[in-house]
C-alpha atoms as a PDB file:
ATOM      1  CA  UNK A   1     115.506 125.618 138.213  1.00  0.00           C
ATOM      2  CA  UNK A   2     113.122 125.659 135.257  1.00  0.00           C
ATOM      3  CA  UNK A   3     109.365 125.330 135.640  1.00  0.00           C
ATOM      4  CA  UNK A   4     109.214 121.734 134.412  1.00  0.00           C
ATOM      5  CA  UNK A   5     111.891 120.533 136.825  1.00  0.00           C
ATOM      6  CA  UNK A   6     110.304 122.493 139.671  1.00  0.00           C
ATOM      7  CA  UNK A   7     106.949 120.798 139.097  1.00  0.00           C
ATOM      8  CA  UNK A   8     108.559 117.360 138.893  1.00  0.00           C
ATOM      9  CA  UNK A   9     110.474 117.863 142.109  1.00  0.00           C
ATOM     10  CA  UNK A  10     107.424 119.319 143.850  1.00  0.00           C
ATOM     11  CA  UNK A  11     105.331 116.287 142.871  1.00  0.00           C
ATOM     12  CA  UNK A  12     108.007 113.914 144.138  1.00  0.00           C
ATOM     13  CA  UNK A  13     108.391 115.839 147.399  1.00  0.00           C
ATOM     14  CA  UNK A  14     104.656 115.594 147.953  1.00  0.00           C
ATOM     15  CA  UNK A  15     105.020 111.823 147.849  1.00  0.00           C
ATOM     16  CA  UNK A  16     107.876 111.926 150.305  1.00  0.00           C
ATOM     17  CA  UNK A  17     110.429 111.149 147.602  1.00  0.00           C
ATOM     18  CA  UNK A  18     113.730 112.839 146.907  1.00  0.00           C
ATOM     19  CA  UNK A  19     114.647 111.039 143.687  1.00  0.00           C
ATOM     20  CA  UNK A  20     116.174 113.362 141.085  1.00  0.00           C
ATOM     21  CA  UNK A  21     114.661 113.571 137.632  1.00  0.00           C
ATOM     22  CA  UNK A  22     117.663 111.899 135.985  1.00  0.00           C
ATOM     23  CA  UNK A  23     117.438 108.994 138.396  1.00  0.00           C
ATOM     24  CA  UNK A  24     113.709 108.774 137.787  1.00  0.00           C
ATOM     25  CA  UNK A  25     114.240 108.666 134.034  1.00  0.00           C
ATOM     26  CA  UNK A  26     116.836 105.950 134.505  1.00  0.00           C
ATOM     27  CA  UNK A  27     114.448 103.924 136.653  1.00  0.00           C
ATOM     28  CA  UNK A  28     111.668 104.203 134.069  1.00  0.00           C
ATOM     29  CA  UNK A  29     114.071 103.201 131.310  1.00  0.00           C
ATOM     30  CA  UNK A  30     115.357 100.197 133.197  1.00  0.00           C
ATOM     31  CA  UNK A  31     111.814  98.977 133.879  1.00  0.00           C
ATOM     32  CA  UNK A  32     110.822  99.068 130.207  1.00  0.00           C
ATOM     33  CA  UNK A  33     111.847  95.958 128.243  1.00  0.00           C
ATOM     34  CA  UNK A  34     111.496  97.871 124.971  1.00  0.00           C
ATOM     35  CA  UNK A  35     114.541 100.013 125.801  1.00  0.00           C
ATOM     36  CA  UNK A  36     116.865  97.085 126.490  1.00  0.00           C
ATOM     37  CA  UNK A  37     119.697  96.363 124.067  1.00  0.00           C
ATOM     38  CA  UNK A  38     120.007  92.957 122.402  1.00  0.00           C
ATOM     39  CA  UNK A  39     122.704  92.995 119.749  1.00  0.00           C
ATOM     40  CA  UNK A  40     121.969  89.387 118.811  1.00  0.00           C
ATOM     41  CA  UNK A  41     119.034  90.737 116.790  1.00  0.00           C
ATOM     42  CA  UNK A  42     121.048  93.442 114.986  1.00  0.00           C
ATOM     43  CA  UNK A  43     121.239  94.457 112.217  1.00  0.00           C
ATOM     44  CA  UNK A  44     117.759  94.168 110.745  1.00  0.00           C
ATOM     45  CA  UNK A  45     115.529  95.598 108.030  1.00  0.00           C
ATOM     46  CA  UNK A  46     111.741  95.371 107.963  1.00  0.00           C
ATOM     47  CA  UNK A  47     109.350  96.770 105.349  1.00  0.00           C
ATOM     48  CA  UNK A  48     105.652  96.714 104.550  1.00  0.00           C
ATOM     49  CA  UNK A  49     104.467  94.294 101.871  1.00  0.00           C
ATOM     50  CA  UNK A  50     106.421  91.733  99.851  1.00  0.00           C
ATOM     51  CA  UNK A  51     109.423  93.790  98.743  1.00  0.00           C
ATOM     52  CA  UNK A  52     112.428  91.430  98.793  1.00  0.00           C
ATOM     53  CA  UNK A  53     114.519  93.511  96.388  1.00  0.00           C
ATOM     54  CA  UNK A  54     114.147  96.656  98.475  1.00  0.00           C
ATOM     55  CA  UNK A  55     114.876  94.864 101.739  1.00  0.00           C
ATOM     56  CA  UNK A  56     117.885  93.076 100.201  1.00  0.00           C
ATOM     57  CA  UNK A  57     119.308  96.392  99.027  1.00  0.00           C
ATOM     58  CA  UNK A  58     118.866  97.912 102.482  1.00  0.00           C
ATOM     59  CA  UNK A  59     120.485  94.870 104.107  1.00  0.00           C
ATOM     60  CA  UNK A  60     123.447  95.019 101.707  1.00  0.00           C
ATOM     61  CA  UNK A  61     123.842  98.702 102.519  1.00  0.00           C
ATOM     62  CA  UNK A  62     124.038  97.900 106.240  1.00  0.00           C
ATOM     63  CA  UNK A  63     126.468  95.054 105.611  1.00  0.00           C
ATOM     64  CA  UNK A  64     128.760  97.415 103.713  1.00  0.00           C
ATOM     65  CA  UNK A  65     129.110  99.531 106.854  1.00  0.00           C
ATOM     66  CA  UNK A  66     126.696 102.284 105.880  1.00  0.00           C
ATOM     67  CA  UNK A  67     124.217 103.818 108.311  1.00  0.00           C
ATOM     68  CA  UNK A  68     120.629 102.754 108.941  1.00  0.00           C
ATOM     69  CA  UNK A  69     119.582 106.026 107.284  1.00  0.00           C
ATOM     70  CA  UNK A  70     121.546 105.117 104.140  1.00  0.00           C
ATOM     71  CA  UNK A  71     119.918 101.693 104.162  1.00  0.00           C
ATOM     72  CA  UNK A  72     116.445 103.238 104.301  1.00  0.00           C
ATOM     73  CA  UNK A  73     117.111 105.567 101.390  1.00  0.00           C
ATOM     74  CA  UNK A  74     118.744 102.955  99.154  1.00  0.00           C
ATOM     75  CA  UNK A  75     116.138 100.320  99.942  1.00  0.00           C
ATOM     76  CA  UNK A  76     113.204 102.607  99.213  1.00  0.00           C
ATOM     77  CA  UNK A  77     114.853 103.818  96.006  1.00  0.00           C
ATOM     78  CA  UNK A  78     114.506 100.287  94.618  1.00  0.00           C
ATOM     79  CA  UNK A  79     110.711 100.436  94.774  1.00  0.00           C
ATOM     80  CA  UNK A  80     110.562 104.054  93.619  1.00  0.00           C
ATOM     81  CA  UNK A  81     112.459 103.144  90.455  1.00  0.00           C
ATOM     82  CA  UNK A  82     110.488  99.975  89.681  1.00  0.00           C
ATOM     83  CA  UNK A  83     107.869 100.679  86.960  1.00  0.00           C
ATOM     84  CA  UNK A  84     106.023  97.496  87.932  1.00  0.00           C
ATOM     85  CA  UNK A  85     105.255  98.832  91.406  1.00  0.00           C
ATOM     86  CA  UNK A  86     102.036 100.768  90.804  1.00  0.00           C
ATOM     87  CA  UNK A  87     101.927 102.356  94.244  1.00  0.00           C
ATOM     88  CA  UNK A  88     105.354 103.977  94.574  1.00  0.00           C
ATOM     89  CA  UNK A  89     107.389 106.372  92.430  1.00  0.00           C
ATOM     90  CA  UNK A  90     107.836 105.758  88.704  1.00  0.00           C
ATOM     91  CA  UNK A  91     104.828 103.848  87.395  1.00  0.00           C
ATOM     92  CA  UNK A  92     102.624 104.770  90.340  1.00  0.00           C
ATOM     93  CA  UNK A  93      98.928 104.953  89.537  1.00  0.00           C
ATOM     94  CA  UNK A  94      97.862 108.577  89.061  1.00  0.00           C
ATOM     95  CA  UNK A  95      95.162 110.695  90.644  1.00  0.00           C
ATOM     96  CA  UNK A  96      91.828 111.054  88.889  1.00  0.00           C
ATOM     97  CA  UNK A  97      93.288 113.825  86.701  1.00  0.00           C
ATOM     98  CA  UNK A  98      96.049 111.540  85.438  1.00  0.00           C
ATOM     99  CA  UNK A  99      98.890 113.088  87.463  1.00  0.00           C
ATOM    100  CA  UNK A 100     101.313 111.018  89.515  1.00  0.00           C
ATOM    101  CA  UNK A 101     102.022 112.811  92.785  1.00  0.00           C
ATOM    102  CA  UNK A 102     104.427 111.491  95.399  1.00  0.00           C
ATOM    103  CA  UNK A 103     104.730 111.764  99.173  1.00  0.00           C
ATOM    104  CA  UNK A 104     107.709 110.617 101.245  1.00  0.00           C
ATOM    105  CA  UNK A 105     109.489 111.131 104.527  1.00  0.00           C
ATOM    106  CA  UNK A 106     112.627 109.954 106.273  1.00  0.00           C
ATOM    107  CA  UNK A 107     113.669 110.114 109.940  1.00  0.00           C
ATOM    108  CA  UNK A 108     116.986 109.398 111.639  1.00  0.00           C
ATOM    109  CA  UNK A 109     118.085 108.286 115.093  1.00  0.00           C
ATOM    110  CA  UNK A 110     118.373 111.861 116.380  1.00  0.00           C
ATOM    111  CA  UNK A 111     114.779 112.716 115.587  1.00  0.00           C
ATOM    112  CA  UNK A 112     115.696 114.684 112.475  1.00  0.00           C
ATOM    113  CA  UNK A 113     112.992 114.477 109.835  1.00  0.00           C
ATOM    114  CA  UNK A 114     112.511 115.468 106.204  1.00  0.00           C
ATOM    115  CA  UNK A 115     109.409 115.229 104.058  1.00  0.00           C
ATOM    116  CA  UNK A 116     107.974 116.051 100.640  1.00  0.00           C
ATOM    117  CA  UNK A 117     104.288 116.133  99.743  1.00  0.00           C
ATOM    118  CA  UNK A 118     102.526 116.469  96.400  1.00  0.00           C
ATOM    119  CA  UNK A 119     105.845 116.109  94.557  1.00  0.00           C
ATOM    120  CA  UNK A 120     105.660 115.648  90.781  1.00  0.00           C
ATOM    121  CA  UNK A 121     108.169 114.670  88.075  1.00  0.00           C
ATOM    122  CA  UNK A 122     110.892 113.399  90.439  1.00  0.00           C
ATOM    123  CA  UNK A 123     111.368 109.625  90.850  1.00  0.00           C
ATOM    124  CA  UNK A 124     113.226 109.360  94.161  1.00  0.00           C
ATOM    125  CA  UNK A 125     110.958 111.239  96.543  1.00  0.00           C
ATOM    126  CA  UNK A 126     112.583 109.780  99.653  1.00  0.00           C
ATOM    127  CA  UNK A 127     115.986 111.069  98.530  1.00  0.00           C
ATOM    128  CA  UNK A 128     114.498 114.537  98.117  1.00  0.00           C
ATOM    129  CA  UNK A 129     113.034 114.209 101.624  1.00  0.00           C
ATOM    130  CA  UNK A 130     116.504 113.429 102.948  1.00  0.00           C
ATOM    131  CA  UNK A 131     117.857 116.542 101.234  1.00  0.00           C
ATOM    132  CA  UNK A 132     115.104 118.597 102.888  1.00  0.00           C
ATOM    133  CA  UNK A 133     116.236 117.188 106.237  1.00  0.00           C
ATOM    134  CA  UNK A 134     119.948 117.708 105.702  1.00  0.00           C
ATOM    135  CA  UNK A 135     120.205 120.766 103.460  1.00  0.00           C
ATOM    136  CA  UNK A 136     117.387 123.088 104.552  1.00  0.00           C
ATOM    137  CA  UNK A 137     116.134 124.655 107.796  1.00  0.00           C
ATOM    138  CA  UNK A 138     112.730 123.056 107.110  1.00  0.00           C
ATOM    139  CA  UNK A 139     111.207 119.626 107.652  1.00  0.00           C
ATOM    140  CA  UNK A 140     108.479 119.582 104.978  1.00  0.00           C
ATOM    141  CA  UNK A 141     108.278 120.945 101.438  1.00  0.00           C
ATOM    142  CA  UNK A 142     105.343 120.696  99.045  1.00  0.00           C
ATOM    143  CA  UNK A 143     104.315 120.829  95.414  1.00  0.00           C
ATOM    144  CA  UNK A 144     106.133 123.073  92.979  1.00  0.00           C
ATOM    145  CA  UNK A 145     108.474 124.301  95.700  1.00  0.00           C
ATOM    146  CA  UNK A 146     109.561 120.764  96.511  1.00  0.00           C
ATOM    147  CA  UNK A 147     110.102 120.040  92.822  1.00  0.00           C
ATOM    148  CA  UNK A 148     112.158 123.208  92.341  1.00  0.00           C
ATOM    149  CA  UNK A 149     114.242 122.329  95.374  1.00  0.00           C
ATOM    150  CA  UNK A 150     114.825 118.822  94.033  1.00  0.00           C
ATOM    151  CA  UNK A 151     116.056 120.168  90.706  1.00  0.00           C
ATOM    152  CA  UNK A 152     118.368 122.587  92.510  1.00  0.00           C
ATOM    153  CA  UNK A 153     119.867 119.579  94.297  1.00  0.00           C
ATOM    154  CA  UNK A 154     120.608 117.774  91.038  1.00  0.00           C
ATOM    155  CA  UNK A 155     117.515 115.606  90.628  1.00  0.00           C
ATOM    156  CA  UNK A 156     116.243 115.228  87.059  1.00  0.00           C
ATOM    157  CA  UNK A 157     112.665 115.824  86.002  1.00  0.00           C
ATOM    158  CA  UNK A 158     110.958 112.787  84.502  1.00  0.00           C
ATOM    159  CA  UNK A 159     107.434 111.837  83.455  1.00  0.00           C
ATOM    160  CA  UNK A 160     106.308 109.364  86.128  1.00  0.00           C
ATOM    161  CA  UNK A 161     103.235 108.121  84.241  1.00  0.00           C
ATOM    162  CA  UNK A 162     104.139 104.898  82.433  1.00  0.00           C
ATOM    163  CA  UNK A 163     102.070 103.549  79.559  1.00  0.00           C
ATOM    164  CA  UNK A 164     100.797 100.737  81.799  1.00  0.00           C
ATOM    165  CA  UNK A 165      99.589 103.159  84.470  1.00  0.00           C
ATOM    166  CA  UNK A 166      98.118 105.476  81.852  1.00  0.00           C
ATOM    167  CA  UNK A 167      96.054 102.641  80.367  1.00  0.00           C
ATOM    168  CA  UNK A 168      94.814 101.615  83.822  1.00  0.00           C
ATOM    169  CA  UNK A 169      93.764 105.207  84.524  1.00  0.00           C
ATOM    170  CA  UNK A 170      91.958 105.515  81.157  1.00  0.00           C
ATOM    171  CA  UNK A 171      90.089 102.296  81.900  1.00  0.00           C
ATOM    172  CA  UNK A 172      89.098 103.672  85.308  1.00  0.00           C
ATOM    173  CA  UNK A 173      87.771 106.856  83.679  1.00  0.00           C
ATOM    174  CA  UNK A 174      85.049 104.872  81.870  1.00  0.00           C
ATOM    175  CA  UNK A 175      83.101 104.602  85.134  1.00  0.00           C
ATOM    176  CA  UNK A 176      85.119 106.889  87.426  1.00  0.00           C
ATOM    177  CA  UNK A 177      84.014 104.935  90.483  1.00  0.00           C
ATOM    178  CA  UNK A 178      86.205 105.565  93.494  1.00  0.00           C
ATOM    179  CA  UNK A 179      86.029 102.221  95.245  1.00  0.00           C
ATOM    180  CA  UNK A 180      89.566 101.269  96.289  1.00  0.00           C
ATOM    181  CA  UNK A 181      90.178  97.534  96.391  1.00  0.00           C
ATOM    182  CA  UNK A 182      91.609  96.354  99.714  1.00  0.00           C
ATOM    183  CA  UNK A 183      95.290  95.338  99.482  1.00  0.00           C
ATOM    184  CA  UNK A 184      95.428  96.426  95.827  1.00  0.00           C
ATOM    185  CA  UNK A 185      94.538 100.096  95.518  1.00  0.00           C
ATOM    186  CA  UNK A 186      94.886 100.370  99.311  1.00  0.00           C
ATOM    187  CA  UNK A 187      98.415  98.993  98.916  1.00  0.00           C
ATOM    188  CA  UNK A 188      99.900 102.411  98.618  1.00  0.00           C
ATOM    189  CA  UNK A 189     103.102 102.597 100.606  1.00  0.00           C
ATOM    190  CA  UNK A 190     106.478 101.122 101.304  1.00  0.00           C
ATOM    191  CA  UNK A 191     107.310 101.836 104.924  1.00  0.00           C
ATOM    192  CA  UNK A 192     110.761 100.646 106.003  1.00  0.00           C
ATOM    193  CA  UNK A 193     112.578 100.491 109.344  1.00  0.00           C
ATOM    194  CA  UNK A 194     116.271  99.647 109.724  1.00  0.00           C
ATOM    195  CA  UNK A 195     118.581  99.020 112.649  1.00  0.00           C
ATOM    196  CA  UNK A 196     122.364  98.847 112.265  1.00  0.00           C
ATOM    197  CA  UNK A 197     124.798  96.567 114.125  1.00  0.00           C
ATOM    198  CA  UNK A 198     124.883  99.008 117.061  1.00  0.00           C
ATOM    199  CA  UNK A 199     121.107  99.249 117.397  1.00  0.00           C
ATOM    200  CA  UNK A 200     120.752 102.664 115.762  1.00  0.00           C
ATOM    201  CA  UNK A 201     117.317 103.118 114.180  1.00  0.00           C
ATOM    202  CA  UNK A 202     116.065 105.026 111.152  1.00  0.00           C
ATOM    203  CA  UNK A 203     112.921 104.826 109.041  1.00  0.00           C
ATOM    204  CA  UNK A 204     111.231 106.010 105.884  1.00  0.00           C
ATOM    205  CA  UNK A 205     108.013 105.991 103.865  1.00  0.00           C
ATOM    206  CA  UNK A 206     107.451 106.593 100.176  1.00  0.00           C
ATOM    207  CA  UNK A 207     104.276 106.370  98.101  1.00  0.00           C
ATOM    208  CA  UNK A 208     102.287 107.597  95.126  1.00  0.00           C
ATOM    209  CA  UNK A 209      99.200 107.487  97.320  1.00  0.00           C
ATOM    210  CA  UNK A 210      95.794 105.999  96.707  1.00  0.00           C
ATOM    211  CA  UNK A 211      95.035 105.347  93.067  1.00  0.00           C
ATOM    212  CA  UNK A 212      92.608 107.829  91.478  1.00  0.00           C
ATOM    213  CA  UNK A 213      92.543 110.070  94.549  1.00  0.00           C
ATOM    214  CA  UNK A 214      91.385 113.668  94.232  1.00  0.00           C
ATOM    215  CA  UNK A 215      94.099 115.914  92.850  1.00  0.00           C
ATOM    216  CA  UNK A 216      95.933 117.413  95.799  1.00  0.00           C
ATOM    217  CA  UNK A 217      95.161 114.647  98.286  1.00  0.00           C
ATOM    218  CA  UNK A 218      97.944 113.827 100.773  1.00  0.00           C
ATOM    219  CA  UNK A 219      97.867 110.803 103.050  1.00  0.00           C
ATOM    220  CA  UNK A 220      99.719 109.786 106.177  1.00  0.00           C
ATOM    221  CA  UNK A 221     102.992 108.660 104.600  1.00  0.00           C
ATOM    222  CA  UNK A 222     104.890 111.976 104.706  1.00  0.00           C
ATOM    223  CA  UNK A 223     103.481 113.135 108.041  1.00  0.00           C
ATOM    224  CA  UNK A 224     105.667 112.657 111.097  1.00  0.00           C
ATOM    225  CA  UNK A 225     103.933 110.580 113.753  1.00  0.00           C
ATOM    226  CA  UNK A 226     101.328 109.207 111.359  1.00  0.00           C
ATOM    227  CA  UNK A 227     103.012 107.277 108.552  1.00  0.00           C
ATOM    228  CA  UNK A 228     106.328 107.034 110.418  1.00  0.00           C
ATOM    229  CA  UNK A 229     107.905 107.679 113.781  1.00  0.00           C
ATOM    230  CA  UNK A 230     111.380 106.848 115.102  1.00  0.00           C
ATOM    231  CA  UNK A 231     112.596 107.230 118.673  1.00  0.00           C
ATOM    232  CA  UNK A 232     116.032 105.700 119.077  1.00  0.00           C
ATOM    233  CA  UNK A 233     115.521 105.263 122.813  1.00  0.00           C
ATOM    234  CA  UNK A 234     112.469 103.035 122.356  1.00  0.00           C
ATOM    235  CA  UNK A 235     111.741 101.886 118.815  1.00  0.00           C
ATOM    236  CA  UNK A 236     110.064 102.777 115.551  1.00  0.00           C
ATOM    237  CA  UNK A 237     106.840 102.190 113.637  1.00  0.00           C
ATOM    238  CA  UNK A 238     105.429 102.763 110.175  1.00  0.00           C
ATOM    239  CA  UNK A 239     102.045 102.387 108.490  1.00  0.00           C
ATOM    240  CA  UNK A 240     100.401 101.462 105.217  1.00  0.00           C
ATOM    241  CA  UNK A 241      96.834 101.506 103.931  1.00  0.00           C
ATOM    242  CA  UNK A 242      94.218 104.244 103.955  1.00  0.00           C
ATOM    243  CA  UNK A 243      96.144 107.212 105.263  1.00  0.00           C
ATOM    244  CA  UNK A 244      93.114 109.200 106.359  1.00  0.00           C
ATOM    245  CA  UNK A 245      92.506 106.694 109.161  1.00  0.00           C
ATOM    246  CA  UNK A 246      96.151 106.662 110.241  1.00  0.00           C
ATOM    247  CA  UNK A 247      96.227 110.460 110.310  1.00  0.00           C
ATOM    248  CA  UNK A 248      93.188 110.639 112.574  1.00  0.00           C
ATOM    249  CA  UNK A 249      94.875 108.475 115.200  1.00  0.00           C
ATOM    250  CA  UNK A 250      98.530 109.546 114.675  1.00  0.00           C
ATOM    251  CA  UNK A 251      99.196 105.826 114.495  1.00  0.00           C
ATOM    252  CA  UNK A 252     102.960 105.450 114.326  1.00  0.00           C
ATOM    253  CA  UNK A 253     103.609 107.887 117.162  1.00  0.00           C
ATOM    254  CA  UNK A 254     100.945 106.099 119.191  1.00  0.00           C
ATOM    255  CA  UNK A 255     102.716 102.759 118.731  1.00  0.00           C
ATOM    256  CA  UNK A 256     106.089 104.132 119.803  1.00  0.00           C
ATOM    257  CA  UNK A 257     104.568 105.781 122.861  1.00  0.00           C
ATOM    258  CA  UNK A 258     102.789 102.557 123.800  1.00  0.00           C
ATOM    259  CA  UNK A 259     106.146 100.786 123.580  1.00  0.00           C
ATOM    260  CA  UNK A 260     107.622 103.499 125.792  1.00  0.00           C
ATOM    261  CA  UNK A 261     104.950 102.636 128.342  1.00  0.00           C
ATOM    262  CA  UNK A 262     106.010  98.993 128.276  1.00  0.00           C
ATOM    263  CA  UNK A 263     103.856  97.315 125.640  1.00  0.00           C
ATOM    264  CA  UNK A 264     105.579  94.949 123.234  1.00  0.00           C
ATOM    265  CA  UNK A 265     105.725  95.927 119.543  1.00  0.00           C
ATOM    266  CA  UNK A 266     102.969  93.405 118.844  1.00  0.00           C
ATOM    267  CA  UNK A 267     100.711  94.698 121.618  1.00  0.00           C
ATOM    268  CA  UNK A 268     101.294  98.285 120.480  1.00  0.00           C
ATOM    269  CA  UNK A 269     100.383  97.517 116.847  1.00  0.00           C
ATOM    270  CA  UNK A 270      97.213  95.744 117.942  1.00  0.00           C
ATOM    271  CA  UNK A 271      96.208  98.674 120.149  1.00  0.00           C
ATOM    272  CA  UNK A 272      96.763 101.133 117.280  1.00  0.00           C
ATOM    273  CA  UNK A 273      94.444  99.143 115.015  1.00  0.00           C
ATOM    274  CA  UNK A 274      91.902  98.855 117.840  1.00  0.00           C
ATOM    275  CA  UNK A 275      91.903 102.659 118.227  1.00  0.00           C
ATOM    276  CA  UNK A 276      90.781 102.930 114.589  1.00  0.00           C
ATOM    277  CA  UNK A 277      88.208 100.159 114.635  1.00  0.00           C
ATOM    278  CA  UNK A 278      86.519 100.954 117.953  1.00  0.00           C
ATOM    279  CA  UNK A 279      85.129 104.087 116.329  1.00  0.00           C
ATOM    280  CA  UNK A 280      83.782 102.198 113.307  1.00  0.00           C
ATOM    281  CA  UNK A 281      83.622  98.472 114.147  1.00  0.00           C
ATOM    282  CA  UNK A 282      81.249  97.573 111.320  1.00  0.00           C
ATOM    283  CA  UNK A 283      83.191  99.247 108.541  1.00  0.00           C
ATOM    284  CA  UNK A 284      84.986  96.692 106.395  1.00  0.00           C
ATOM    285  CA  UNK A 285      85.922  98.575 103.227  1.00  0.00           C
ATOM    286  CA  UNK A 286      89.464  99.699 104.033  1.00  0.00           C
ATOM    287  CA  UNK A 287      92.835  98.409 105.140  1.00  0.00           C
ATOM    288  CA  UNK A 288      95.415  99.780 107.581  1.00  0.00           C
ATOM    289  CA  UNK A 289      98.488  97.879 108.713  1.00  0.00           C
ATOM    290  CA  UNK A 290     101.420  98.634 110.996  1.00  0.00           C
ATOM    291  CA  UNK A 291     104.893  97.266 111.586  1.00  0.00           C
ATOM    292  CA  UNK A 292     107.063  98.128 114.587  1.00  0.00           C
ATOM    293  CA  UNK A 293     110.404  97.271 116.149  1.00  0.00           C
ATOM    294  CA  UNK A 294     111.832  97.975 119.616  1.00  0.00           C
ATOM    295  CA  UNK A 295     115.439  98.392 120.772  1.00  0.00           C
ATOM    296  CA  UNK A 296     115.744  94.671 121.444  1.00  0.00           C
ATOM    297  CA  UNK A 297     115.050  94.003 117.784  1.00  0.00           C
ATOM    298  CA  UNK A 298     111.660  92.506 118.542  1.00  0.00           C
ATOM    299  CA  UNK A 299     109.040  92.888 115.812  1.00  0.00           C
ATOM    300  CA  UNK A 300     105.310  93.538 115.876  1.00  0.00           C
ATOM    301  CA  UNK A 301     102.704  93.829 113.135  1.00  0.00           C
ATOM    302  CA  UNK A 302      98.930  93.919 112.802  1.00  0.00           C
ATOM    303  CA  UNK A 303      96.330  94.844 110.179  1.00  0.00           C
ATOM    304  CA  UNK A 304      92.595  95.325 109.855  1.00  0.00           C
ATOM    305  CA  UNK A 305      92.151  92.675 107.155  1.00  0.00           C
ATOM    306  CA  UNK A 306      94.101  89.631 106.098  1.00  0.00           C
ATOM    307  CA  UNK A 307      96.217  89.925 102.967  1.00  0.00           C
ATOM    308  CA  UNK A 308      98.863  92.262 104.370  1.00  0.00           C
ATOM    309  CA  UNK A 309     102.420  90.991 104.715  1.00  0.00           C
ATOM    310  CA  UNK A 310     105.797  92.381 105.671  1.00  0.00           C
ATOM    311  CA  UNK A 311     109.351  91.491 104.668  1.00  0.00           C
ATOM    312  CA  UNK A 312     112.113  91.161 107.242  1.00  0.00           C
ATOM    313  CA  UNK A 313     115.845  90.523 106.977  1.00  0.00           C
ATOM    314  CA  UNK A 314     117.309  89.542 110.330  1.00  0.00           C
ATOM    315  CA  UNK A 315     120.002  87.132 111.518  1.00  0.00           C
ATOM    316  CA  UNK A 316     121.119  86.616 107.941  1.00  0.00           C
ATOM    317  CA  UNK A 317     117.715  85.391 106.757  1.00  0.00           C
ATOM    318  CA  UNK A 318     114.944  87.102 104.793  1.00  0.00           C
ATOM    319  CA  UNK A 319     111.293  86.191 105.307  1.00  0.00           C
ATOM    320  CA  UNK A 320     107.895  87.419 104.176  1.00  0.00           C
ATOM    321  CA  UNK A 321     105.407  87.160 107.021  1.00  0.00           C
ATOM    322  CA  UNK A 322     101.620  87.503 107.208  1.00  0.00           C
ATOM    323  CA  UNK A 323     100.605  88.908 110.617  1.00  0.00           C
ATOM    324  CA  UNK A 324      97.343  88.632 112.523  1.00  0.00           C
ATOM    325  CA  UNK A 325      94.403  90.829 111.625  1.00  0.00           C
ATOM    326  CA  UNK A 326      91.515  92.563 113.368  1.00  0.00           C
ATOM    327  CA  UNK A 327      88.558  90.912 111.632  1.00  0.00           C
ATOM    328  CA  UNK A 328      89.834  87.444 112.501  1.00  0.00           C
ATOM    329  CA  UNK A 329      87.068  86.185 114.799  1.00  0.00           C
ATOM    330  CA  UNK A 330      85.678  89.641 115.623  1.00  0.00           C
END
């Protein structure tokens, strides 16, 4: 008997119980509504912000019989390749030195995870993250090493700074004031969660980060448990906004664990935002938002400020929804 099982059994014996650990786990699972299966709500795709093209692509991928992981990658690729999206991939606003640097991660139903940080010159960062997960013994690669790995896997180098983004950066340089605008420059991520027809979950995040950040800055998006967390037994969550605040509270992992304890996705998202704001209730100059889904296909979302929205494709219908927010009446 290993030490962990010995301690569990000893604790139970002290209470006059003889329930085995497997039976105990089963009892806990059965008492948690977040672990129940409800195939009427499958499949589904949900993503931060108003990204109908990305969500449609992910939905089509699921409908073609592909996995939830495939849906995440293909859906996020749409935004990475869109030069009009200034917060993800090609056309992303650069750091204050004029360099576009990308962060991304992807996570499957088995808990496997791949991530790239500070990646330059490669459009599809989330696809590189998947290669890290599937083709290397590592879970995170950074900078030049991540770029070299991407090229070795067949990805092509490309200048990610479009003329539009370059002009915006040059205009910013005139004053060089780092005052991110809520829901504009704070709108820095596509986080996506997908569930296939059998209830299998996967998730991903991809971003070019905060506009005009310091060169070398990395946010929450590529960090497991902060920008994204998937537990196929319970549910999944992802974040957007100012990553520094999500990192300090390990927000996505927190939401999934709260769902494991029995909170609904909505209650868990609200608690995660509360954890941030209780430490700084009077601060109003930043945005963080979460989306979450449990095994029943129930959705939750919450943000600090109004203006955030998420896109969902479920039961054959796509919607863009604006959730509740912390400063409403507080």
